[in-house]
Amino acid sequence: MTNRFRWLTPGSVERMPVSELVGVYDADGGLLGEAAYVWGRVRGTRHCGLCDITHATVRRKREWDEMVATLPVPVRLLHLDELDEGLRAAVAASGAPVVLARAEDAWQEVVSARELDGMEGSVRAFEVAVRRHLDGDGSA
């Protein structure tokens, strides 16, 4: 099957309407994936800035759910083992964790791993960065 999505490099001047945002955790899903992440986090060998933003100690933050409900596009959160071919290619080019925007047939980085780490778990900082991109005021 041919990958119909293309990757736009960060900072690309090409702007198209965004149809969805996808946040990709730097972890596999499922019980084993979650356990491996938690164990690595305890040992200090794993970290995911997106996890810090979306989740409190045990469950998803209410503040996250409330913020996502106000965004003009849907937001999906996926683990590394849940990616389709197009997303897998985009994450390979960008790295994880990452937030990507889908616009027509392209994926573009909206928030990098470094930026997610710099947000230090702040849902508000995440919202500001995403809205800046959606409003066309930020470079992705």
N, C-alpha and C. Protein backbone atom coordinates (compact mmCIF):
# COMPACT_ATOMS: atom_id res chain seq x y z
N MET A 1 0.84 -1.17 0.00
CA MET A 1 0.00 0.00 0.00
C MET A 1 0.89 1.24 0.00
N THR A 2 0.57 2.21 -0.82
CA THR A 2 1.34 3.42 -0.95
C THR A 2 0.94 4.41 0.13
N ASN A 3 1.92 5.07 0.71
CA ASN A 3 1.68 6.08 1.72
C ASN A 3 1.21 7.35 1.01
N ARG A 4 -0.02 7.78 1.25
CA ARG A 4 -0.54 8.95 0.57
C ARG A 4 -0.21 10.25 1.29
N PHE A 5 0.34 10.16 2.48
CA PHE A 5 0.70 11.36 3.22
C PHE A 5 2.14 11.73 2.95
N ARG A 6 2.41 13.01 2.97
CA ARG A 6 3.79 13.47 2.84
C ARG A 6 4.15 14.25 4.09
N TRP A 7 5.42 14.40 4.31
CA TRP A 7 5.93 15.06 5.50
C TRP A 7 6.38 16.46 5.13
N LEU A 8 5.88 17.45 5.83
CA LEU A 8 6.36 18.82 5.65
C LEU A 8 7.37 19.09 6.74
N THR A 9 8.52 19.56 6.37
CA THR A 9 9.56 19.80 7.35
C THR A 9 9.15 20.90 8.31
N PRO A 10 9.62 20.83 9.57
CA PRO A 10 9.32 21.91 10.51
C PRO A 10 9.81 23.24 9.92
N GLY A 11 8.99 24.27 10.06
CA GLY A 11 9.33 25.58 9.55
C GLY A 11 8.90 25.79 8.11
N SER A 12 8.27 24.80 7.51
CA SER A 12 7.81 24.93 6.13
C SER A 12 6.84 26.10 6.03
N VAL A 13 6.91 26.83 4.92
CA VAL A 13 6.01 27.97 4.74
C VAL A 13 4.67 27.54 4.15
N GLU A 14 4.57 26.29 3.74
CA GLU A 14 3.32 25.80 3.18
C GLU A 14 2.26 25.73 4.28
N ARG A 15 1.13 26.41 4.07
CA ARG A 15 0.08 26.43 5.08
C ARG A 15 -1.22 25.95 4.46
N MET A 16 -1.83 25.00 5.11
CA MET A 16 -3.11 24.47 4.67
C MET A 16 -3.99 24.35 5.90
N PRO A 17 -5.31 24.33 5.73
CA PRO A 17 -6.19 24.17 6.88
C PRO A 17 -5.91 22.84 7.59
N VAL A 18 -5.82 22.89 8.88
CA VAL A 18 -5.56 21.70 9.69
C VAL A 18 -6.88 20.99 9.95
N SER A 19 -6.91 19.67 9.70
CA SER A 19 -8.13 18.90 9.94
C SER A 19 -8.10 18.13 11.25
N GLU A 20 -6.90 17.86 11.77
CA GLU A 20 -6.79 17.20 13.08
C GLU A 20 -5.38 17.35 13.61
N LEU A 21 -5.26 17.18 14.91
CA LEU A 21 -3.97 17.12 15.58
C LEU A 21 -3.80 15.72 16.14
N VAL A 22 -2.57 15.21 16.08
CA VAL A 22 -2.27 13.90 16.64
C VAL A 22 -1.07 14.04 17.54
N GLY A 23 -1.25 13.70 18.81
CA GLY A 23 -0.15 13.66 19.76
C GLY A 23 0.34 12.22 19.86
N VAL A 24 1.64 12.03 19.72
CA VAL A 24 2.21 10.69 19.76
C VAL A 24 3.12 10.59 20.98
N TYR A 25 2.74 9.70 21.90
CA TYR A 25 3.54 9.45 23.09
C TYR A 25 4.81 8.70 22.72
N ASP A 26 5.85 8.87 23.49
CA ASP A 26 7.09 8.11 23.31
C ASP A 26 7.00 6.84 24.16
N ALA A 27 6.00 6.03 23.86
CA ALA A 27 5.77 4.79 24.59
C ALA A 27 4.79 3.93 23.79
N ASP A 28 4.86 2.64 24.03
CA ASP A 28 3.88 1.73 23.44
C ASP A 28 2.64 1.72 24.33
N GLY A 29 1.50 1.38 23.74
CA GLY A 29 0.26 1.28 24.49
C GLY A 29 0.07 -0.11 25.06
N GLY A 30 -1.07 -0.33 25.65
CA GLY A 30 -1.38 -1.62 26.24
C GLY A 30 -0.72 -1.78 27.59
N LEU A 31 -1.10 -2.84 28.26
CA LEU A 31 -0.61 -3.08 29.62
C LEU A 31 0.91 -3.21 29.69
N LEU A 32 1.49 -3.98 28.78
CA LEU A 32 2.95 -4.17 28.80
C LEU A 32 3.69 -2.88 28.45
N GLY A 33 3.19 -2.15 27.45
CA GLY A 33 3.83 -0.89 27.07
C GLY A 33 3.78 0.13 28.19
N GLU A 34 2.62 0.23 28.83
CA GLU A 34 2.47 1.17 29.94
C GLU A 34 3.37 0.77 31.12
N ALA A 35 3.41 -0.52 31.41
CA ALA A 35 4.26 -1.00 32.51
C ALA A 35 5.73 -0.73 32.22
N ALA A 36 6.15 -0.95 30.99
CA ALA A 36 7.55 -0.69 30.62
C ALA A 36 7.87 0.79 30.76
N TYR A 37 6.94 1.65 30.37
CA TYR A 37 7.16 3.08 30.50
C TYR A 37 7.27 3.49 31.97
N VAL A 38 6.35 3.00 32.79
CA VAL A 38 6.36 3.35 34.22
C VAL A 38 7.66 2.87 34.86
N TRP A 39 8.07 1.65 34.55
CA TRP A 39 9.32 1.11 35.11
C TRP A 39 10.52 1.97 34.67
N GLY A 40 10.56 2.34 33.41
CA GLY A 40 11.64 3.19 32.92
C GLY A 40 11.61 4.57 33.56
N ARG A 41 10.43 5.07 33.79
CA ARG A 41 10.30 6.38 34.44
C ARG A 41 10.82 6.32 35.87
N VAL A 42 10.47 5.26 36.59
CA VAL A 42 10.94 5.08 37.97
C VAL A 42 12.47 4.98 37.99
N ARG A 43 13.04 4.26 37.03
CA ARG A 43 14.49 4.08 36.96
C ARG A 43 15.20 5.31 36.40
N GLY A 44 14.45 6.25 35.83
CA GLY A 44 15.05 7.45 35.26
C GLY A 44 15.57 7.26 33.85
N THR A 45 15.12 6.20 33.17
CA THR A 45 15.59 5.94 31.81
C THR A 45 14.55 6.27 30.75
N ARG A 46 13.34 6.63 31.13
CA ARG A 46 12.27 6.98 30.18
C ARG A 46 11.61 8.27 30.61
N HIS A 47 11.25 9.06 29.60
CA HIS A 47 10.51 10.30 29.87
C HIS A 47 9.72 10.66 28.62
N CYS A 48 8.52 11.16 28.81
CA CYS A 48 7.68 11.61 27.70
C CYS A 48 7.01 12.91 28.11
N GLY A 49 7.42 14.01 27.49
CA GLY A 49 6.85 15.32 27.81
C GLY A 49 5.36 15.40 27.54
N LEU A 50 4.88 14.68 26.52
CA LEU A 50 3.44 14.68 26.23
C LEU A 50 2.67 13.98 27.34
N CYS A 51 3.22 12.91 27.87
CA CYS A 51 2.59 12.21 29.01
C CYS A 51 2.43 13.17 30.19
N ASP A 52 3.47 13.98 30.45
CA ASP A 52 3.42 14.93 31.56
C ASP A 52 2.30 15.95 31.38
N ILE A 53 2.03 16.31 30.14
CA ILE A 53 0.99 17.32 29.85
C ILE A 53 -0.40 16.71 29.95
N THR A 54 -0.58 15.52 29.44
CA THR A 54 -1.93 14.93 29.37
C THR A 54 -2.34 14.17 30.62
N HIS A 55 -1.39 13.69 31.39
CA HIS A 55 -1.72 12.82 32.51
C HIS A 55 -1.16 13.31 33.84
N ALA A 56 -1.94 13.10 34.88
CA ALA A 56 -1.46 13.25 36.25
C ALA A 56 -0.81 11.92 36.61
N THR A 57 -0.64 11.64 37.85
CA THR A 57 0.05 10.43 38.27
C THR A 57 -0.57 9.16 37.70
N VAL A 58 -1.88 9.04 37.77
CA VAL A 58 -2.53 7.80 37.38
C VAL A 58 -3.45 7.95 36.17
N ARG A 59 -4.09 9.08 36.03
CA ARG A 59 -5.09 9.22 34.98
C ARG A 59 -4.95 10.53 34.23
N ARG A 60 -5.73 10.66 33.15
CA ARG A 60 -5.67 11.87 32.34
C ARG A 60 -6.17 13.07 33.14
N LYS A 61 -5.55 14.21 32.91
CA LYS A 61 -5.90 15.44 33.61
C LYS A 61 -7.25 15.97 33.11
N ARG A 62 -8.09 16.37 34.03
CA ARG A 62 -9.38 16.98 33.68
C ARG A 62 -9.13 18.26 32.88
N GLU A 63 -8.12 19.02 33.26
CA GLU A 63 -7.77 20.25 32.56
C GLU A 63 -7.46 19.97 31.08
N TRP A 64 -6.83 18.83 30.80
CA TRP A 64 -6.52 18.45 29.41
C TRP A 64 -7.82 18.24 28.64
N ASP A 65 -8.71 17.44 29.21
CA ASP A 65 -9.99 17.14 28.54
C ASP A 65 -10.79 18.41 28.27
N GLU A 66 -10.80 19.33 29.23
CA GLU A 66 -11.54 20.57 29.07
C GLU A 66 -10.93 21.43 27.97
N MET A 67 -9.59 21.50 27.92
CA MET A 67 -8.91 22.30 26.90
C MET A 67 -9.15 21.73 25.51
N VAL A 68 -9.01 20.42 25.35
CA VAL A 68 -9.20 19.78 24.04
C VAL A 68 -10.60 20.03 23.51
N ALA A 69 -11.58 20.07 24.40
CA ALA A 69 -12.96 20.30 23.98
C ALA A 69 -13.17 21.69 23.38
N THR A 70 -12.26 22.63 23.65
CA THR A 70 -12.40 23.99 23.13
C THR A 70 -11.63 24.22 21.83
N LEU A 71 -10.81 23.27 21.42
CA LEU A 71 -10.03 23.44 20.19
C LEU A 71 -10.92 23.28 18.96
N PRO A 72 -10.60 23.97 17.88
CA PRO A 72 -11.44 23.91 16.68
C PRO A 72 -11.24 22.66 15.83
N VAL A 73 -10.29 21.81 16.18
CA VAL A 73 -10.04 20.56 15.45
C VAL A 73 -9.94 19.42 16.46
N PRO A 74 -10.26 18.20 16.03
CA PRO A 74 -10.12 17.06 16.94
C PRO A 74 -8.66 16.75 17.24
N VAL A 75 -8.45 16.16 18.42
CA VAL A 75 -7.12 15.77 18.86
C VAL A 75 -7.16 14.28 19.18
N ARG A 76 -6.25 13.53 18.56
CA ARG A 76 -6.08 12.11 18.89
C ARG A 76 -4.75 11.94 19.61
N LEU A 77 -4.73 11.06 20.58
CA LEU A 77 -3.50 10.70 21.28
C LEU A 77 -3.21 9.24 20.98
N LEU A 78 -2.00 8.97 20.49
CA LEU A 78 -1.63 7.61 20.10
C LEU A 78 -0.29 7.22 20.70
N HIS A 79 -0.11 5.92 20.86
CA HIS A 79 1.17 5.37 21.27
C HIS A 79 1.93 4.90 20.03
N LEU A 80 3.22 4.65 20.19
CA LEU A 80 4.06 4.27 19.05
C LEU A 80 3.54 3.03 18.33
N ASP A 81 2.98 2.09 19.06
CA ASP A 81 2.50 0.85 18.42
C ASP A 81 1.09 0.97 17.85
N GLU A 82 0.53 2.17 17.83
CA GLU A 82 -0.81 2.39 17.30
C GLU A 82 -0.81 3.22 16.01
N LEU A 83 0.36 3.47 15.44
CA LEU A 83 0.48 4.36 14.29
C LEU A 83 0.24 3.64 12.97
N ASP A 84 -0.46 4.33 12.06
CA ASP A 84 -0.57 3.79 10.70
C ASP A 84 0.71 4.16 9.93
N GLU A 85 0.78 3.73 8.70
CA GLU A 85 1.99 3.92 7.89
C GLU A 85 2.39 5.39 7.75
N GLY A 86 1.42 6.25 7.46
CA GLY A 86 1.70 7.67 7.28
C GLY A 86 2.22 8.33 8.54
N LEU A 87 1.57 8.04 9.66
CA LEU A 87 2.02 8.61 10.92
C LEU A 87 3.37 8.04 11.33
N ARG A 88 3.59 6.76 11.10
CA ARG A 88 4.87 6.15 11.44
C ARG A 88 6.01 6.86 10.71
N ALA A 89 5.81 7.18 9.45
CA ALA A 89 6.83 7.88 8.67
C ALA A 89 7.06 9.29 9.21
N ALA A 90 5.99 9.98 9.56
CA ALA A 90 6.12 11.34 10.10
C ALA A 90 6.84 11.34 11.43
N VAL A 91 6.51 10.37 12.30
CA VAL A 91 7.17 10.29 13.60
C VAL A 91 8.63 9.89 13.43
N ALA A 92 8.93 9.04 12.46
CA ALA A 92 10.32 8.67 12.20
C ALA A 92 11.13 9.90 11.79
N ALA A 93 10.52 10.81 11.04
CA ALA A 93 11.20 12.02 10.60
C ALA A 93 11.35 13.04 11.73
N SER A 94 10.40 13.05 12.65
CA SER A 94 10.36 14.06 13.69
C SER A 94 10.89 13.59 15.02
N GLY A 95 10.59 12.34 15.37
CA GLY A 95 10.90 11.82 16.69
C GLY A 95 9.68 11.91 17.59
N ALA A 96 9.70 11.15 18.66
CA ALA A 96 8.59 11.14 19.61
C ALA A 96 9.13 11.47 20.99
N PRO A 97 8.30 12.09 21.80
CA PRO A 97 6.92 12.48 21.57
C PRO A 97 6.86 13.67 20.63
N VAL A 98 5.70 13.84 20.03
CA VAL A 98 5.50 14.93 19.08
C VAL A 98 4.01 15.18 18.92
N VAL A 99 3.67 16.38 18.50
CA VAL A 99 2.30 16.70 18.10
C VAL A 99 2.37 17.09 16.63
N LEU A 100 1.57 16.41 15.83
CA LEU A 100 1.53 16.62 14.39
C LEU A 100 0.17 17.15 13.98
N ALA A 101 0.17 17.96 12.92
CA ALA A 101 -1.07 18.46 12.33
C ALA A 101 -1.26 17.79 10.98
N ARG A 102 -2.48 17.35 10.72
CA ARG A 102 -2.81 16.82 9.40
C ARG A 102 -3.52 17.92 8.63
N ALA A 103 -2.98 18.22 7.46
CA ALA A 103 -3.57 19.20 6.57
C ALA A 103 -3.56 18.60 5.17
N GLU A 104 -4.74 18.31 4.67
CA GLU A 104 -4.89 17.64 3.38
C GLU A 104 -4.10 16.34 3.38
N ASP A 105 -3.08 16.22 2.56
CA ASP A 105 -2.33 14.96 2.47
C ASP A 105 -0.96 15.06 3.12
N ALA A 106 -0.82 15.94 4.10
CA ALA A 106 0.50 16.16 4.71
C ALA A 106 0.41 16.14 6.23
N TRP A 107 1.50 15.70 6.84
CA TRP A 107 1.68 15.79 8.29
C TRP A 107 2.76 16.83 8.53
N GLN A 108 2.54 17.68 9.53
CA GLN A 108 3.54 18.69 9.86
C GLN A 108 3.68 18.76 11.38
N GLU A 109 4.93 18.88 11.82
CA GLU A 109 5.20 19.00 13.25
C GLU A 109 4.65 20.32 13.77
N VAL A 110 3.93 20.23 14.89
CA VAL A 110 3.40 21.42 15.55
C VAL A 110 4.17 21.69 16.83
N VAL A 111 4.41 20.64 17.61
CA VAL A 111 5.15 20.77 18.86
C VAL A 111 6.15 19.62 18.94
N SER A 112 7.42 19.96 19.07
CA SER A 112 8.50 18.96 19.11
C SER A 112 8.67 18.39 20.52
N ALA A 113 9.46 17.34 20.61
CA ALA A 113 9.77 16.73 21.92
C ALA A 113 10.42 17.75 22.85
N ARG A 114 11.35 18.53 22.32
CA ARG A 114 12.04 19.53 23.13
C ARG A 114 11.06 20.57 23.67
N GLU A 115 10.14 21.01 22.80
CA GLU A 115 9.13 21.99 23.23
C GLU A 115 8.19 21.39 24.27
N LEU A 116 7.79 20.13 24.07
CA LEU A 116 6.92 19.47 25.05
C LEU A 116 7.61 19.39 26.41
N ASP A 117 8.89 19.04 26.42
CA ASP A 117 9.64 18.99 27.68
C ASP A 117 9.68 20.37 28.34
N GLY A 118 9.87 21.41 27.54
CA GLY A 118 9.93 22.77 28.06
C GLY A 118 8.63 23.26 28.67
N MET A 119 7.54 22.62 28.35
CA MET A 119 6.23 23.00 28.90
C MET A 119 6.05 22.50 30.32
N GLU A 120 6.91 21.59 30.75
CA GLU A 120 6.92 21.09 32.13
C GLU A 120 5.54 20.66 32.62
N GLY A 121 4.80 19.96 31.77
CA GLY A 121 3.51 19.43 32.17
C GLY A 121 2.35 20.41 32.11
N SER A 122 2.56 21.60 31.59
CA SER A 122 1.52 22.63 31.58
C SER A 122 0.56 22.47 30.40
N VAL A 123 -0.69 22.22 30.71
CA VAL A 123 -1.73 22.15 29.69
C VAL A 123 -1.89 23.52 29.04
N ARG A 124 -1.80 24.57 29.81
CA ARG A 124 -1.96 25.94 29.28
C ARG A 124 -0.86 26.26 28.26
N ALA A 125 0.38 25.91 28.56
CA ALA A 125 1.48 26.16 27.62
C ALA A 125 1.25 25.39 26.33
N PHE A 126 0.76 24.17 26.44
CA PHE A 126 0.44 23.36 25.27
C PHE A 126 -0.63 24.06 24.43
N GLU A 127 -1.68 24.51 25.09
CA GLU A 127 -2.77 25.18 24.39
C GLU A 127 -2.29 26.42 23.64
N VAL A 128 -1.46 27.20 24.26
CA VAL A 128 -0.93 28.41 23.62
C VAL A 128 -0.16 28.05 22.35
N ALA A 129 0.70 27.05 22.43
CA ALA A 129 1.50 26.64 21.27
C ALA A 129 0.61 26.13 20.14
N VAL A 130 -0.37 25.32 20.47
CA VAL A 130 -1.24 24.75 19.45
C VAL A 130 -2.12 25.83 18.82
N ARG A 131 -2.68 26.70 19.63
CA ARG A 131 -3.53 27.77 19.07
C ARG A 131 -2.72 28.72 18.19
N ARG A 132 -1.48 28.99 18.57
CA ARG A 132 -0.63 29.84 17.75
C ARG A 132 -0.46 29.20 16.35
N HIS A 133 -0.26 27.91 16.32
CA HIS A 133 -0.13 27.21 15.04
C HIS A 133 -1.45 27.25 14.26
N LEU A 134 -2.54 26.95 14.92
CA LEU A 134 -3.84 26.90 14.25
C LEU A 134 -4.25 28.27 13.72
N ASP A 135 -3.86 29.33 14.45
CA ASP A 135 -4.19 30.68 14.02
C ASP A 135 -3.26 31.19 12.94
N GLY A 136 -2.21 30.44 12.64
CA GLY A 136 -1.27 30.84 11.59
C GLY A 136 -0.21 31.80 12.05
N ASP A 137 -0.08 32.00 13.38
CA ASP A 137 0.90 32.95 13.90
C ASP A 137 2.23 32.29 14.25
N GLY A 138 2.27 30.99 14.28
CA GLY A 138 3.51 30.31 14.65
C GLY A 138 4.02 29.49 13.50
N SER A 139 5.28 29.22 13.53
CA SER A 139 5.82 28.32 12.51
C SER A 139 5.81 26.92 13.06
N ALA A 140 5.48 26.00 12.22
CA ALA A 140 5.46 24.61 12.65
C ALA A 140 6.64 23.89 12.07
